[in-house]
Protein backbone atom coordinates (compact mmCIF):
# COMPACT_ATOMS: atom_id res chain seq x y z
CA MET A 1 0.00 0.00 0.00
CA VAL A 2 2.77 2.46 0.90
CA ARG A 3 4.48 1.73 -2.41
CA ARG A 4 1.41 3.06 -4.16
CA LEU A 5 1.56 6.20 -2.02
CA ALA A 6 5.13 6.69 -3.20
CA LEU A 7 3.79 6.57 -6.77
CA ALA A 8 1.43 9.44 -5.85
CA MET A 9 -1.65 7.33 -6.51
CA SER A 10 -4.93 8.63 -5.14
CA THR A 11 -7.03 6.61 -2.73
CA GLU A 12 -9.44 5.84 -5.57
CA GLU A 13 -6.61 4.71 -7.86
CA ILE A 14 -5.19 2.44 -5.16
CA ALA A 15 -8.62 0.91 -4.57
CA ALA A 16 -9.11 0.24 -8.28
CA ASP A 17 -5.60 -1.20 -8.62
CA LEU A 18 -6.15 -3.59 -5.69
CA TYR A 19 -9.80 -4.40 -6.49
CA VAL A 20 -10.99 -3.25 -3.06
CA SER A 21 -13.27 -0.45 -1.85
CA VAL A 22 -12.06 3.05 -1.11
CA ASN A 23 -13.04 2.53 2.54
CA THR A 24 -10.81 -0.54 2.72
CA VAL A 25 -7.88 1.49 1.40
CA LYS A 26 -8.56 4.25 3.92
CA THR A 27 -8.61 1.73 6.76
CA HIS A 28 -5.34 0.14 5.66
CA LEU A 29 -3.68 3.53 5.19
CA LYS A 30 -4.80 4.64 8.66
CA ASN A 31 -3.25 1.48 10.13
CA ALA A 32 -0.04 1.98 8.13
CA TYR A 33 0.22 5.60 9.34
CA ARG A 34 -0.22 4.42 12.91
CA LYS A 35 2.48 1.76 12.56
CA LEU A 36 4.86 4.27 10.95
CA SER A 37 3.97 6.92 13.58
CA VAL A 38 3.03 9.50 10.96
CA GLY A 39 -0.01 11.57 10.11
CA ARG A 40 0.27 12.23 6.38
CA ARG A 41 1.02 10.49 3.11
CA SER A 42 4.28 12.34 2.52
CA GLU A 43 5.48 11.48 6.02
CA ALA A 44 4.55 7.83 5.50
CA VAL A 45 6.60 7.65 2.29
CA ARG A 46 9.57 9.40 3.92
CA ARG A 47 9.44 7.15 6.98
CA ALA A 48 9.09 3.98 4.89
CA ARG A 49 12.17 5.00 2.92
CA GLU A 50 14.09 5.67 6.13
CA LEU A 51 13.20 2.17 7.35
CA GLY A 52 14.19 0.58 4.04
CA LEU A 53 10.64 -0.52 3.27
CA LEU A 54 10.70 1.20 -0.12
């Protein structure tokens, strides 16, 4: 999911790409932000890169 954020995909684009609902994407992103201790998409991408996840 965070890889798709790094590609600057919108929530709707991510949902279509993964064949899931927009609400499912939002839930997963919220959980990813929590695990990365961030509040925004740009912070999530930066933190994931710092951790070597991207």
